[in-house]
Amino acid sequence: MTLLSIGRQERGYLKTIVYVTPLEIVNELTERIFTAFDTIRAERGILQRVRRNIVCRCTLCNEVGGRHFEYLLYM
């Protein structure tokens, strides 16, 4: 997995993991990046479910013309 092979959401998640606390040395940054990729790999199923959920919500929002749709999620 490389930075180019992941989507925008995953890159945002990667940044969240890497920059959770301030960094002082480059080696620490490198280690955090590798650890974050391992975390993303391990949580791949979670990220796929999140992506499906977002697509579902966008589809429902379009179907109801931008009106309230949350009640449709649980039908």
PDB file of N, CA and C in Angstrom:
ATOM      1  N   MET A   1       0.851  -1.171   0.000  1.00  0.00           N
ATOM      2  CA  MET A   1       0.000   0.000   0.000  1.00  0.00           C
ATOM      3  C   MET A   1       0.897   1.234   0.000  1.00  0.00           C
ATOM      4  N   THR A   2       0.621   2.165  -0.911  1.00  0.00           N
ATOM      5  CA  THR A   2       1.359   3.419  -0.956  1.00  0.00           C
ATOM      6  C   THR A   2       0.391   4.565  -0.763  1.00  0.00           C
ATOM      7  N   LEU A   3       0.923   5.749  -0.529  1.00  0.00           N
ATOM      8  CA  LEU A   3       0.076   6.918  -0.334  1.00  0.00           C
ATOM      9  C   LEU A   3      -0.772   7.188  -1.569  1.00  0.00           C
ATOM     10  N   LEU A   4      -0.247   6.872  -2.754  1.00  0.00           N
ATOM     11  CA  LEU A   4      -0.998   7.102  -3.985  1.00  0.00           C
ATOM     12  C   LEU A   4      -2.103   6.078  -4.197  1.00  0.00           C
ATOM     13  N   SER A   5      -2.003   4.919  -3.566  1.00  0.00           N
ATOM     14  CA  SER A   5      -2.985   3.862  -3.796  1.00  0.00           C
ATOM     15  C   SER A   5      -4.189   3.946  -2.864  1.00  0.00           C
ATOM     16  N   ILE A   6      -4.204   4.911  -1.953  1.00  0.00           N
ATOM     17  CA  ILE A   6      -5.345   5.041  -1.057  1.00  0.00           C
ATOM     18  C   ILE A   6      -6.133   6.288  -1.419  1.00  0.00           C
ATOM     19  N   GLY A   7      -7.395   6.300  -1.061  1.00  0.00           N
ATOM     20  CA  GLY A   7      -8.270   7.404  -1.400  1.00  0.00           C
ATOM     21  C   GLY A   7      -8.130   8.592  -0.462  1.00  0.00           C
ATOM     22  N   ARG A   8      -8.901   9.624  -0.783  1.00  0.00           N
ATOM     23  CA  ARG A   8      -8.855  10.861   0.000  1.00  0.00           C
ATOM     24  C   ARG A   8      -9.248  10.624   1.453  1.00  0.00           C
ATOM     25  N   GLN A   9     -10.288   9.809   1.667  1.00  0.00           N
ATOM     26  CA  GLN A   9     -10.723   9.543   3.044  1.00  0.00           C
ATOM     27  C   GLN A   9      -9.641   8.838   3.836  1.00  0.00           C
ATOM     28  N   GLU A  10      -8.991   7.863   3.201  1.00  0.00           N
ATOM     29  CA  GLU A  10      -7.933   7.139   3.892  1.00  0.00           C
ATOM     30  C   GLU A  10      -6.754   8.052   4.194  1.00  0.00           C
ATOM     31  N   ARG A  11      -6.427   8.973   3.265  1.00  0.00           N
ATOM     32  CA  ARG A  11      -5.329   9.913   3.520  1.00  0.00           C
ATOM     33  C   ARG A  11      -5.658  10.808   4.709  1.00  0.00           C
ATOM     34  N   GLY A  12      -6.907  11.242   4.798  1.00  0.00           N
ATOM     35  CA  GLY A  12      -7.318  12.044   5.943  1.00  0.00           C
ATOM     36  C   GLY A  12      -7.202  11.265   7.237  1.00  0.00           C
ATOM     37  N   TYR A  13      -7.621  10.007   7.187  1.00  0.00           N
ATOM     38  CA  TYR A  13      -7.518   9.133   8.361  1.00  0.00           C
ATOM     39  C   TYR A  13      -6.056   8.908   8.724  1.00  0.00           C
ATOM     40  N   LEU A  14      -5.218   8.739   7.706  1.00  0.00           N
ATOM     41  CA  LEU A  14      -3.781   8.556   7.915  1.00  0.00           C
ATOM     42  C   LEU A  14      -3.199   9.771   8.638  1.00  0.00           C
ATOM     43  N   LYS A  15      -3.552  10.967   8.186  1.00  0.00           N
ATOM     44  CA  LYS A  15      -3.068  12.184   8.841  1.00  0.00           C
ATOM     45  C   LYS A  15      -3.520  12.250  10.293  1.00  0.00           C
ATOM     46  N   THR A  16      -4.765  11.856  10.535  1.00  0.00           N
ATOM     47  CA  THR A  16      -5.290  11.875  11.895  1.00  0.00           C
ATOM     48  C   THR A  16      -4.467  10.977  12.808  1.00  0.00           C
ATOM     49  N   ILE A  17      -4.105   9.812  12.305  1.00  0.00           N
ATOM     50  CA  ILE A  17      -3.312   8.867  13.110  1.00  0.00           C
ATOM     51  C   ILE A  17      -1.885   9.388  13.309  1.00  0.00           C
ATOM     52  N   VAL A  18      -1.274   9.860  12.233  1.00  0.00           N
ATOM     53  CA  VAL A  18       0.136  10.267  12.279  1.00  0.00           C
ATOM     54  C   VAL A  18       0.338  11.512  13.143  1.00  0.00           C
ATOM     55  N   TYR A  19      -0.550  12.476  13.013  1.00  0.00           N
ATOM     56  CA  TYR A  19      -0.345  13.753  13.698  1.00  0.00           C
ATOM     57  C   TYR A  19      -1.178  13.894  14.970  1.00  0.00           C
ATOM     58  N   VAL A  20      -1.484  12.786  15.624  1.00  0.00           N
ATOM     59  CA  VAL A  20      -2.278  12.821  16.856  1.00  0.00           C
ATOM     60  C   VAL A  20      -1.579  13.647  17.938  1.00  0.00           C
ATOM     61  N   THR A  21      -0.257  13.620  17.957  1.00  0.00           N
ATOM     62  CA  THR A  21       0.528  14.467  18.865  1.00  0.00           C
ATOM     63  C   THR A  21       1.653  15.104  18.053  1.00  0.00           C
ATOM     64  N   PRO A  22       2.179  16.221  18.502  1.00  0.00           N
ATOM     65  CA  PRO A  22       3.265  16.894  17.765  1.00  0.00           C
ATOM     66  C   PRO A  22       4.492  15.999  17.604  1.00  0.00           C
ATOM     67  N   LEU A  23       5.181  16.195  16.486  1.00  0.00           N
ATOM     68  CA  LEU A  23       6.390  15.430  16.183  1.00  0.00           C
ATOM     69  C   LEU A  23       7.619  16.311  16.378  1.00  0.00           C
ATOM     70  N   GLU A  24       8.709  15.681  16.780  1.00  0.00           N
ATOM     71  CA  GLU A  24       9.944  16.431  16.965  1.00  0.00           C
ATOM     72  C   GLU A  24      11.068  15.967  16.055  1.00  0.00           C
ATOM     73  N   ILE A  25      11.041  14.693  15.636  1.00  0.00           N
ATOM     74  CA  ILE A  25      12.117  14.184  14.780  1.00  0.00           C
ATOM     75  C   ILE A  25      11.535  13.429  13.591  1.00  0.00           C
ATOM     76  N   VAL A  26      12.279  13.430  12.492  1.00  0.00           N
ATOM     77  CA  VAL A  26      11.823  12.805  11.251  1.00  0.00           C
ATOM     78  C   VAL A  26      11.649  11.301  11.415  1.00  0.00           C
ATOM     79  N   ASN A  27      12.522  10.658  12.150  1.00  0.00           N
ATOM     80  CA  ASN A  27      12.410   9.210  12.342  1.00  0.00           C
ATOM     81  C   ASN A  27      11.092   8.837  13.001  1.00  0.00           C
ATOM     82  N   GLU A  28      10.643   9.672  13.913  1.00  0.00           N
ATOM     83  CA  GLU A  28       9.363   9.427  14.571  1.00  0.00           C
ATOM     84  C   GLU A  28       8.216   9.535  13.564  1.00  0.00           C
ATOM     85  N   LEU A  29       8.317  10.502  12.656  1.00  0.00           N
ATOM     86  CA  LEU A  29       7.302  10.657  11.610  1.00  0.00           C
ATOM     87  C   LEU A  29       7.246   9.417  10.736  1.00  0.00           C
ATOM     88  N   THR A  30       8.407   8.930  10.318  1.00  0.00           N
ATOM     89  CA  THR A  30       8.476   7.729   9.482  1.00  0.00           C
ATOM     90  C   THR A  30       7.850   6.538  10.189  1.00  0.00           C
ATOM     91  N   GLU A  31       8.182   6.351  11.447  1.00  0.00           N
ATOM     92  CA  GLU A  31       7.634   5.231  12.221  1.00  0.00           C
ATOM     93  C   GLU A  31       6.118   5.342  12.342  1.00  0.00           C
ATOM     94  N   ARG A  32       5.629   6.549  12.589  1.00  0.00           N
ATOM     95  CA  ARG A  32       4.181   6.740  12.703  1.00  0.00           C
ATOM     96  C   ARG A  32       3.466   6.457  11.391  1.00  0.00           C
ATOM     97  N   ILE A  33       4.081   6.837  10.278  1.00  0.00           N
ATOM     98  CA  ILE A  33       3.465   6.572   8.967  1.00  0.00           C
ATOM     99  C   ILE A  33       3.341   5.073   8.739  1.00  0.00           C
ATOM    100  N   PHE A  34       4.410   4.313   9.007  1.00  0.00           N
ATOM    101  CA  PHE A  34       4.361   2.861   8.834  1.00  0.00           C
ATOM    102  C   PHE A  34       3.322   2.230   9.768  1.00  0.00           C
ATOM    103  N   THR A  35       3.273   2.702  10.993  1.00  0.00           N
ATOM    104  CA  THR A  35       2.293   2.192  11.958  1.00  0.00           C
ATOM    105  C   THR A  35       0.870   2.518  11.500  1.00  0.00           C
ATOM    106  N   ALA A  36       0.670   3.719  10.980  1.00  0.00           N
ATOM    107  CA  ALA A  36      -0.650   4.124  10.504  1.00  0.00           C
ATOM    108  C   ALA A  36      -1.096   3.263   9.327  1.00  0.00           C
ATOM    109  N   PHE A  37      -0.175   2.960   8.392  1.00  0.00           N
ATOM    110  CA  PHE A  37      -0.531   2.074   7.277  1.00  0.00           C
ATOM    111  C   PHE A  37      -0.922   0.691   7.790  1.00  0.00           C
ATOM    112  N   ASP A  38      -0.212   0.193   8.783  1.00  0.00           N
ATOM    113  CA  ASP A  38      -0.576  -1.102   9.372  1.00  0.00           C
ATOM    114  C   ASP A  38      -1.972  -1.040   9.980  1.00  0.00           C
ATOM    115  N   THR A  39      -2.278   0.066  10.649  1.00  0.00           N
ATOM    116  CA  THR A  39      -3.604   0.240  11.245  1.00  0.00           C
ATOM    117  C   THR A  39      -4.680   0.264  10.171  1.00  0.00           C
ATOM    118  N   ILE A  40      -4.426   1.004   9.086  1.00  0.00           N
ATOM    119  CA  ILE A  40      -5.408   1.082   7.997  1.00  0.00           C
ATOM    120  C   ILE A  40      -5.611  -0.286   7.363  1.00  0.00           C
ATOM    121  N   ARG A  41      -4.520  -1.014   7.159  1.00  0.00           N
ATOM    122  CA  ARG A  41      -4.661  -2.375   6.609  1.00  0.00           C
ATOM    123  C   ARG A  41      -5.519  -3.250   7.509  1.00  0.00           C
ATOM    124  N   ALA A  42      -5.286  -3.169   8.815  1.00  0.00           N
ATOM    125  CA  ALA A  42      -6.026  -3.995   9.774  1.00  0.00           C
ATOM    126  C   ALA A  42      -7.494  -3.599   9.838  1.00  0.00           C
ATOM    127  N   GLU A  43      -7.776  -2.323   9.606  1.00  0.00           N
ATOM    128  CA  GLU A  43      -9.149  -1.822   9.709  1.00  0.00           C
ATOM    129  C   GLU A  43      -9.814  -1.670   8.343  1.00  0.00           C
ATOM    130  N   ARG A  44      -9.285  -2.323   7.340  1.00  0.00           N
ATOM    131  CA  ARG A  44      -9.794  -2.182   5.967  1.00  0.00           C
ATOM    132  C   ARG A  44     -11.303  -2.421   5.907  1.00  0.00           C
ATOM    133  N   GLY A  45     -11.799  -3.409   6.618  1.00  0.00           N
ATOM    134  CA  GLY A  45     -13.224  -3.704   6.617  1.00  0.00           C
ATOM    135  C   GLY A  45     -14.044  -2.548   7.170  1.00  0.00           C
ATOM    136  N   ILE A  46     -13.530  -1.906   8.196  1.00  0.00           N
ATOM    137  CA  ILE A  46     -14.226  -0.769   8.788  1.00  0.00           C
ATOM    138  C   ILE A  46     -14.327   0.354   7.766  1.00  0.00           C
ATOM    139  N   LEU A  47     -13.223   0.653   7.080  1.00  0.00           N
ATOM    140  CA  LEU A  47     -13.220   1.735   6.103  1.00  0.00           C
ATOM    141  C   LEU A  47     -14.152   1.441   4.933  1.00  0.00           C
ATOM    142  N   GLN A  48     -14.230   0.182   4.521  1.00  0.00           N
ATOM    143  CA  GLN A  48     -15.154  -0.181   3.441  1.00  0.00           C
ATOM    144  C   GLN A  48     -16.602   0.014   3.880  1.00  0.00           C
ATOM    145  N   ARG A  49     -16.921  -0.325   5.126  1.00  0.00           N
ATOM    146  CA  ARG A  49     -18.286  -0.117   5.626  1.00  0.00           C
ATOM    147  C   ARG A  49     -18.617   1.368   5.720  1.00  0.00           C
ATOM    148  N   VAL A  50     -17.651   2.170   6.137  1.00  0.00           N
ATOM    149  CA  VAL A  50     -17.860   3.614   6.200  1.00  0.00           C
ATOM    150  C   VAL A  50     -18.136   4.165   4.811  1.00  0.00           C
ATOM    151  N   ARG A  51     -17.355   3.730   3.834  1.00  0.00           N
ATOM    152  CA  ARG A  51     -17.544   4.180   2.452  1.00  0.00           C
ATOM    153  C   ARG A  51     -18.925   3.787   1.937  1.00  0.00           C
ATOM    154  N   ARG A  52     -19.353   2.547   2.183  1.00  0.00           N
ATOM    155  CA  ARG A  52     -20.676   2.103   1.746  1.00  0.00           C
ATOM    156  C   ARG A  52     -21.777   2.926   2.405  1.00  0.00           C
ATOM    157  N   ASN A  53     -21.607   3.232   3.695  1.00  0.00           N
ATOM    158  CA  ASN A  53     -22.588   4.014   4.427  1.00  0.00           C
ATOM    159  C   ASN A  53     -22.718   5.414   3.831  1.00  0.00           C
ATOM    160  N   ILE A  54     -21.591   6.028   3.495  1.00  0.00           N
ATOM    161  CA  ILE A  54     -21.622   7.370   2.903  1.00  0.00           C
ATOM    162  C   ILE A  54     -22.321   7.337   1.543  1.00  0.00           C
ATOM    163  N   VAL A  55     -22.026   6.345   0.733  1.00  0.00           N
ATOM    164  CA  VAL A  55     -22.677   6.217  -0.572  1.00  0.00           C
ATOM    165  C   VAL A  55     -24.178   6.028  -0.394  1.00  0.00           C
ATOM    166  N   CYS A  56     -24.574   5.198   0.562  1.00  0.00           N
ATOM    167  CA  CYS A  56     -25.995   4.972   0.840  1.00  0.00           C
ATOM    168  C   CYS A  56     -26.680   6.277   1.238  1.00  0.00           C
ATOM    169  N   ARG A  57     -26.056   7.038   2.118  1.00  0.00           N
ATOM    170  CA  ARG A  57     -26.632   8.310   2.571  1.00  0.00           C
ATOM    171  C   ARG A  57     -26.744   9.306   1.424  1.00  0.00           C
ATOM    172  N   CYS A  58     -25.731   9.378   0.580  1.00  0.00           N
ATOM    173  CA  CYS A  58     -25.787  10.289  -0.567  1.00  0.00           C
ATOM    174  C   CYS A  58     -26.890   9.890  -1.541  1.00  0.00           C
ATOM    175  N   THR A  59     -27.035   8.602  -1.780  1.00  0.00           N
ATOM    176  CA  THR A  59     -28.078   8.110  -2.667  1.00  0.00           C
ATOM    177  C   THR A  59     -29.458   8.455  -2.130  1.00  0.00           C
ATOM    178  N   LEU A  60     -29.683   8.192  -0.842  1.00  0.00           N
ATOM    179  CA  LEU A  60     -30.976   8.520  -0.235  1.00  0.00           C
ATOM    180  C   LEU A  60     -31.243  10.020  -0.270  1.00  0.00           C
ATOM    181  N   CYS A  61     -30.233  10.814  -0.005  1.00  0.00           N
ATOM    182  CA  CYS A  61     -30.384  12.267  -0.035  1.00  0.00           C
ATOM    183  C   CYS A  61     -30.813  12.724  -1.431  1.00  0.00           C
ATOM    184  N   ASN A  62     -30.206  12.153  -2.463  1.00  0.00           N
ATOM    185  CA  ASN A  62     -30.588  12.486  -3.842  1.00  0.00           C
ATOM    186  C   ASN A  62     -32.010  12.038  -4.147  1.00  0.00           C
ATOM    187  N   GLU A  63     -32.386  10.859  -3.677  1.00  0.00           N
ATOM    188  CA  GLU A  63     -33.721  10.325  -3.952  1.00  0.00           C
ATOM    189  C   GLU A  63     -34.828  11.168  -3.340  1.00  0.00           C
ATOM    190  N   VAL A  64     -34.581  11.786  -2.198  1.00  0.00           N
ATOM    191  CA  VAL A  64     -35.617  12.594  -1.539  1.00  0.00           C
ATOM    192  C   VAL A  64     -35.432  14.084  -1.813  1.00  0.00           C
ATOM    193  N   GLY A  65     -34.578  14.404  -2.766  1.00  0.00           N
ATOM    194  CA  GLY A  65     -34.403  15.786  -3.169  1.00  0.00           C
ATOM    195  C   GLY A  65     -33.772  16.671  -2.100  1.00  0.00           C
ATOM    196  N   GLY A  66     -32.890  16.119  -1.279  1.00  0.00           N
ATOM    197  CA  GLY A  66     -32.194  16.891  -0.270  1.00  0.00           C
ATOM    198  C   GLY A  66     -32.956  17.071   1.030  1.00  0.00           C
ATOM    199  N   ARG A  67     -34.157  16.493   1.099  1.00  0.00           N
ATOM    200  CA  ARG A  67     -34.936  16.616   2.344  1.00  0.00           C
ATOM    201  C   ARG A  67     -34.432  15.592   3.367  1.00  0.00           C
ATOM    202  N   HIS A  68     -35.071  15.589   4.524  1.00  0.00           N
ATOM    203  CA  HIS A  68     -34.688  14.645   5.580  1.00  0.00           C
ATOM    204  C   HIS A  68     -34.823  13.211   5.083  1.00  0.00           C
ATOM    205  N   PHE A  69     -33.826  12.380   5.389  1.00  0.00           N
ATOM    206  CA  PHE A  69     -33.837  11.004   4.918  1.00  0.00           C
ATOM    207  C   PHE A  69     -33.361  10.013   5.964  1.00  0.00           C
ATOM    208  N   GLU A  70     -32.912  10.508   7.118  1.00  0.00           N
ATOM    209  CA  GLU A  70     -32.320   9.605   8.113  1.00  0.00           C
ATOM    210  C   GLU A  70     -33.280   8.483   8.521  1.00  0.00           C
ATOM    211  N   TYR A  71     -34.577   8.783   8.564  1.00  0.00           N
ATOM    212  CA  TYR A  71     -35.534   7.762   8.960  1.00  0.00           C
ATOM    213  C   TYR A  71     -35.539   6.598   7.962  1.00  0.00           C
ATOM    214  N   LEU A  72     -35.134   6.831   6.730  1.00  0.00           N
ATOM    215  CA  LEU A  72     -35.104   5.782   5.711  1.00  0.00           C
ATOM    216  C   LEU A  72     -33.937   4.806   5.929  1.00  0.00           C
ATOM    217  N   LEU A  73     -32.947   5.213   6.672  1.00  0.00           N
ATOM    218  CA  LEU A  73     -31.774   4.364   6.899  1.00  0.00           C
ATOM    219  C   LEU A  73     -32.115   3.132   7.725  1.00  0.00           C
ATOM    220  N   TYR A  74     -33.147   3.209   8.519  1.00  0.00           N
ATOM    221  CA  TYR A  74     -33.457   2.127   9.459  1.00  0.00           C
ATOM    222  C   TYR A  74     -34.690   1.341   9.062  1.00  0.00           C
ATOM    223  N   MET A  75     -35.114   1.489   7.827  1.00  0.00           N
ATOM    224  CA  MET A  75     -36.299   0.767   7.356  1.00  0.00           C
ATOM    225  C   MET A  75     -35.913  -0.590   6.821  1.00  0.00           C
TER     226      MET A  75
END
